[in-house]
Amino acid sequence: MFAALHVVSAGRATPASPRRRLVWLISATDGQDHAVTFEEMEAGAVAGQGTYRAVCGHLVLVCAMSTPPGPRCPSCDEHLLTTPPPKQRRWTAALRSMLGRHPEPP
């Protein structure tokens, strides 16, 4: 089964708060776009049930790929605005330093 999805990054990239990798999936049960992390996408794919846990806690039963985007889930938006993204891994910062790519100051 293919899901209607939109891959995006949420949040601003700063040394203390790198971007989150998210997929927006349309739920067949409520017709809304829900934010699902790549980790939850992987867990859902391994389970093979066609359902994925959104950041708001909603269990998303995916729609067909041809389904147009629905309205964004307000709970997912709220969660993304109030929950800080995971901390940057040390090797990522070291790699940026070696490559001469320094994040812009806030």
Protein backbone atom coordinates (compact mmCIF):
# COMPACT_ATOMS: atom_id res chain seq x y z
CA MET A 1 0.00 0.00 0.00
CA PHE A 2 1.34 3.41 -0.91
CA ALA A 3 0.72 6.38 1.34
CA ALA A 4 0.04 9.95 0.37
CA LEU A 5 3.00 11.70 1.92
CA HIS A 6 4.87 14.96 1.98
CA VAL A 7 8.47 14.95 3.25
CA VAL A 8 9.49 18.10 5.07
CA SER A 9 11.87 19.36 7.70
CA ALA A 10 10.46 21.17 10.70
CA GLY A 11 12.14 23.80 12.81
CA ARG A 12 15.13 26.05 12.22
CA ALA A 13 18.58 24.56 11.96
CA THR A 14 20.84 25.92 14.69
CA PRO A 15 23.70 24.24 16.56
CA ALA A 16 21.37 23.46 19.48
CA SER A 17 18.32 22.49 17.40
CA PRO A 18 18.81 20.65 14.10
CA ARG A 19 15.86 20.05 11.82
CA ARG A 20 13.54 17.10 12.32
CA ARG A 21 12.88 14.78 9.45
CA LEU A 22 9.15 14.29 9.06
CA VAL A 23 6.66 12.83 6.66
CA TRP A 24 3.13 14.19 6.48
CA LEU A 25 0.64 11.35 5.95
CA ILE A 26 -3.05 11.69 5.20
CA SER A 27 -5.15 9.68 7.60
CA ALA A 28 -8.05 7.71 6.12
CA THR A 29 -9.88 7.93 9.45
CA ASP A 30 -9.99 11.73 9.84
CA GLY A 31 -8.80 13.11 6.47
CA GLN A 32 -6.08 15.26 8.05
CA ASP A 33 -2.36 15.43 7.31
CA HIS A 34 -0.40 14.14 10.32
CA ALA A 35 3.32 14.54 11.02
CA VAL A 36 5.16 11.24 11.36
CA THR A 37 8.87 11.00 12.16
CA PHE A 38 11.15 8.87 10.00
CA GLU A 39 11.68 6.61 13.02
CA GLU A 40 7.93 6.00 13.33
CA MET A 41 7.69 5.45 9.56
CA GLU A 42 10.32 2.75 9.86
CA ALA A 43 8.58 1.14 12.84
CA GLY A 44 5.26 1.17 10.98
CA ALA A 45 6.83 -0.31 7.86
CA VAL A 46 8.45 -3.09 9.89
CA ALA A 47 5.10 -3.87 11.55
CA GLY A 48 3.50 -4.14 8.09
CA GLN A 49 0.07 -2.96 9.26
CA GLY A 50 -0.21 0.20 7.13
CA THR A 51 -0.50 2.35 10.25
CA TYR A 52 1.94 4.89 11.65
CA ARG A 53 2.00 6.81 14.96
CA ALA A 54 1.89 10.60 14.41
CA VAL A 55 3.64 13.06 16.71
CA CYS A 56 0.24 14.00 18.13
CA GLY A 57 -0.41 10.36 19.09
CA HIS A 58 -2.98 9.68 16.35
CA LEU A 59 -2.65 6.25 14.71
CA VAL A 60 -2.62 7.08 11.00
CA LEU A 61 -4.24 4.62 8.61
CA VAL A 62 -2.77 5.83 5.33
CA CYS A 63 -4.74 6.86 2.24
CA ALA A 64 -3.89 6.07 -1.38
CA MET A 65 -1.02 8.01 -2.98
CA SER A 66 -3.50 9.77 -5.29
CA THR A 67 -5.35 11.36 -2.35
CA PRO A 68 -4.91 15.16 -2.32
CA PRO A 69 -3.48 16.73 0.84
CA GLY A 70 -5.96 17.37 3.61
CA PRO A 71 -5.87 20.03 6.31
CA ARG A 72 -2.92 19.79 8.68
CA CYS A 73 -3.61 18.34 12.09
CA PRO A 74 -3.63 21.21 14.62
CA SER A 75 -2.33 18.87 17.35
CA CYS A 76 0.68 17.89 15.20
CA ASP A 77 1.40 21.56 14.47
CA GLU A 78 1.15 22.39 18.18
CA HIS A 79 3.42 19.49 19.11
CA LEU A 80 6.05 20.56 16.56
CA LEU A 81 5.98 24.15 17.83
CA THR A 82 6.28 23.24 21.52
CA THR A 83 8.63 20.23 21.46
CA PRO A 84 12.30 20.90 20.84
CA PRO A 85 13.92 18.78 18.11
CA PRO A 86 16.48 16.15 19.09
CA LYS A 87 20.02 17.29 19.84
CA GLN A 88 22.56 17.25 17.07
CA ARG A 89 24.94 14.32 17.06
CA ARG A 90 28.56 15.11 17.85
CA TRP A 91 29.85 13.58 14.61
CA THR A 92 27.60 15.89 12.59
CA ALA A 93 29.10 18.96 14.26
CA ALA A 94 32.61 17.57 13.76
CA LEU A 95 31.90 16.88 10.09
CA ARG A 96 30.58 20.41 9.57
CA SER A 97 33.71 21.75 11.22
CA MET A 98 35.98 19.70 8.95
CA LEU A 99 34.05 20.76 5.84
CA GLY A 100 34.05 24.40 6.89
CA ARG A 101 30.26 24.63 7.11
CA HIS A 102 29.31 26.52 10.17
CA PRO A 103 25.68 27.14 11.15
CA GLU A 104 24.51 30.71 10.99
CA PRO A 105 24.29 32.44 14.36
CA PRO A 106 20.74 32.85 15.72
